Amino acid sequence: MGLKKYAEKLDDYFERLKQGKAEKIEATHVEKVIRKLNAKKQQLLDEIQTTTKESKKARLEQKLLFAAEHIKRAEMLLEQISK
């Protein structure tokens, strides 16, 4: 997701929050998700090191990229809701 789309989603969330149509996202919930994503990232790294099949390594590396992207987004969200 590009930064423009991310910003639009955040703006939409804050607008819905003002209107009472959304619940506030708690920082602790986002931190919990970040911890889970970091654990998954470490699991993928360990699995990549032990895997010998190149096709499986490629799939795991793709999953690793997705996990890193989700961590980045979660950290950006945490920064926004902590303001």
C-alpha atoms as a PDB file:
ATOM      1  CA  MET A   1       0.000   0.000   0.000  1.00  0.00           C
ATOM      2  CA  GLY A   2       1.400   3.342  -0.993  1.00  0.00           C
ATOM      3  CA  LEU A   3       1.751   6.213   1.420  1.00  0.00           C
ATOM      4  CA  LYS A   4      -1.049   8.131  -0.301  1.00  0.00           C
ATOM      5  CA  LYS A   5      -3.507   5.282   0.174  1.00  0.00           C
ATOM      6  CA  TYR A   6      -2.291   4.792   3.751  1.00  0.00           C
ATOM      7  CA  ALA A   7      -2.831   8.489   4.501  1.00  0.00           C
ATOM      8  CA  GLU A   8      -6.326   8.330   3.000  1.00  0.00           C
ATOM      9  CA  LYS A   9      -7.197   5.341   5.178  1.00  0.00           C
ATOM     10  CA  LEU A  10      -5.925   7.132   8.279  1.00  0.00           C
ATOM     11  CA  ASP A  11      -7.908  10.260   7.414  1.00  0.00           C
ATOM     12  CA  ASP A  12     -11.002   8.121   6.882  1.00  0.00           C
ATOM     13  CA  TYR A  13     -10.455   6.393  10.239  1.00  0.00           C
ATOM     14  CA  PHE A  14     -10.064   9.676  12.135  1.00  0.00           C
ATOM     15  CA  GLU A  15     -13.199  11.057  10.444  1.00  0.00           C
ATOM     16  CA  ARG A  16     -15.198   7.959  11.425  1.00  0.00           C
ATOM     17  CA  LEU A  17     -13.762   8.242  14.947  1.00  0.00           C
ATOM     18  CA  LYS A  18     -14.999  11.859  15.221  1.00  0.00           C
ATOM     19  CA  GLN A  19     -18.455  10.788  14.061  1.00  0.00           C
ATOM     20  CA  GLY A  20     -18.556   7.989  16.626  1.00  0.00           C
ATOM     21  CA  LYS A  21     -18.672   5.330  13.917  1.00  0.00           C
ATOM     22  CA  ALA A  22     -15.347   3.745  14.873  1.00  0.00           C
ATOM     23  CA  GLU A  23     -13.715   2.695  18.114  1.00  0.00           C
ATOM     24  CA  LYS A  24     -10.365   4.145  19.102  1.00  0.00           C
ATOM     25  CA  ILE A  25      -7.437   1.925  18.244  1.00  0.00           C
ATOM     26  CA  GLU A  26      -5.466   1.273  21.411  1.00  0.00           C
ATOM     27  CA  ALA A  27      -1.678   1.520  21.281  1.00  0.00           C
ATOM     28  CA  THR A  28      -1.411  -1.706  23.276  1.00  0.00           C
ATOM     29  CA  HIS A  29      -3.310  -3.572  20.564  1.00  0.00           C
ATOM     30  CA  VAL A  30      -0.970  -2.300  17.865  1.00  0.00           C
ATOM     31  CA  GLU A  31       2.067  -3.160  20.006  1.00  0.00           C
ATOM     32  CA  LYS A  32       0.715  -6.693  20.441  1.00  0.00           C
ATOM     33  CA  VAL A  33       0.349  -7.064  16.677  1.00  0.00           C
ATOM     34  CA  ILE A  34       3.893  -5.757  16.157  1.00  0.00           C
ATOM     35  CA  ARG A  35       5.226  -8.347  18.623  1.00  0.00           C
ATOM     36  CA  LYS A  36       3.377 -11.118  16.775  1.00  0.00           C
ATOM     37  CA  LEU A  37       4.666  -9.911  13.413  1.00  0.00           C
ATOM     38  CA  ASN A  38       8.234  -9.763  14.715  1.00  0.00           C
ATOM     39  CA  ALA A  39       7.906 -13.320  16.033  1.00  0.00           C
ATOM     40  CA  LYS A  40       6.603 -14.461  12.648  1.00  0.00           C
ATOM     41  CA  LYS A  41       9.461 -12.639  10.924  1.00  0.00           C
ATOM     42  CA  GLN A  42      11.991 -14.449  13.122  1.00  0.00           C
ATOM     43  CA  GLN A  43      10.263 -17.774  12.452  1.00  0.00           C
ATOM     44  CA  LEU A  44      10.492 -17.149   8.706  1.00  0.00           C
ATOM     45  CA  LEU A  45      14.184 -16.231   8.979  1.00  0.00           C
ATOM     46  CA  ASP A  46      14.880 -19.457  10.874  1.00  0.00           C
ATOM     47  CA  GLU A  47      12.940 -21.494   8.336  1.00  0.00           C
ATOM     48  CA  ILE A  48      14.777 -19.864   5.419  1.00  0.00           C
ATOM     49  CA  GLN A  49      18.113 -20.856   6.963  1.00  0.00           C
ATOM     50  CA  THR A  50      17.101 -24.502   7.328  1.00  0.00           C
ATOM     51  CA  THR A  51      15.335 -24.879   3.976  1.00  0.00           C
ATOM     52  CA  THR A  52      17.292 -26.402   1.118  1.00  0.00           C
ATOM     53  CA  LYS A  53      14.674 -26.195  -1.638  1.00  0.00           C
ATOM     54  CA  GLU A  54      15.114 -22.992  -3.620  1.00  0.00           C
ATOM     55  CA  SER A  55      11.432 -22.704  -4.551  1.00  0.00           C
ATOM     56  CA  LYS A  56      10.409 -22.894  -0.904  1.00  0.00           C
ATOM     57  CA  LYS A  57      13.094 -20.354   0.042  1.00  0.00           C
ATOM     58  CA  ALA A  58      11.698 -17.959  -2.547  1.00  0.00           C
ATOM     59  CA  ARG A  59       8.175 -18.309  -1.110  1.00  0.00           C
ATOM     60  CA  LEU A  60       9.454 -17.786   2.422  1.00  0.00           C
ATOM     61  CA  GLU A  61      11.432 -14.722   1.378  1.00  0.00           C
ATOM     62  CA  GLN A  62       8.273 -13.282  -0.186  1.00  0.00           C
ATOM     63  CA  LYS A  63       6.412 -13.884   3.074  1.00  0.00           C
ATOM     64  CA  LEU A  64       9.285 -12.202   4.898  1.00  0.00           C
ATOM     65  CA  LEU A  65       8.884  -9.104   2.720  1.00  0.00           C
ATOM     66  CA  PHE A  66       5.150  -9.023   3.488  1.00  0.00           C
ATOM     67  CA  ALA A  67       5.842  -9.337   7.224  1.00  0.00           C
ATOM     68  CA  ALA A  68       8.358  -6.478   7.087  1.00  0.00           C
ATOM     69  CA  GLU A  69       5.852  -4.300   5.217  1.00  0.00           C
ATOM     70  CA  HIS A  70       3.136  -5.038   7.787  1.00  0.00           C
ATOM     71  CA  ILE A  71       5.524  -4.215  10.627  1.00  0.00           C
ATOM     72  CA  LYS A  72       6.353  -0.895   8.971  1.00  0.00           C
ATOM     73  CA  ARG A  73       2.655  -0.065   8.583  1.00  0.00           C
ATOM     74  CA  ALA A  74       1.891  -1.048  12.172  1.00  0.00           C
ATOM     75  CA  GLU A  75       4.708   1.177  13.435  1.00  0.00           C
ATOM     76  CA  MET A  76       3.376   4.069  11.342  1.00  0.00           C
ATOM     77  CA  LEU A  77      -0.109   3.478  12.752  1.00  0.00           C
ATOM     78  CA  LEU A  78       1.252   3.364  16.294  1.00  0.00           C
ATOM     79  CA  GLU A  79       3.014   6.666  15.700  1.00  0.00           C
ATOM     80  CA  GLN A  80      -0.212   8.241  14.392  1.00  0.00           C
ATOM     81  CA  ILE A  81      -2.473   7.060  17.208  1.00  0.00           C
ATOM     82  CA  SER A  82       0.073   7.948  19.900  1.00  0.00           C
ATOM     83  CA  LYS A  83      -0.026  11.642  18.989  1.00  0.00           C
END
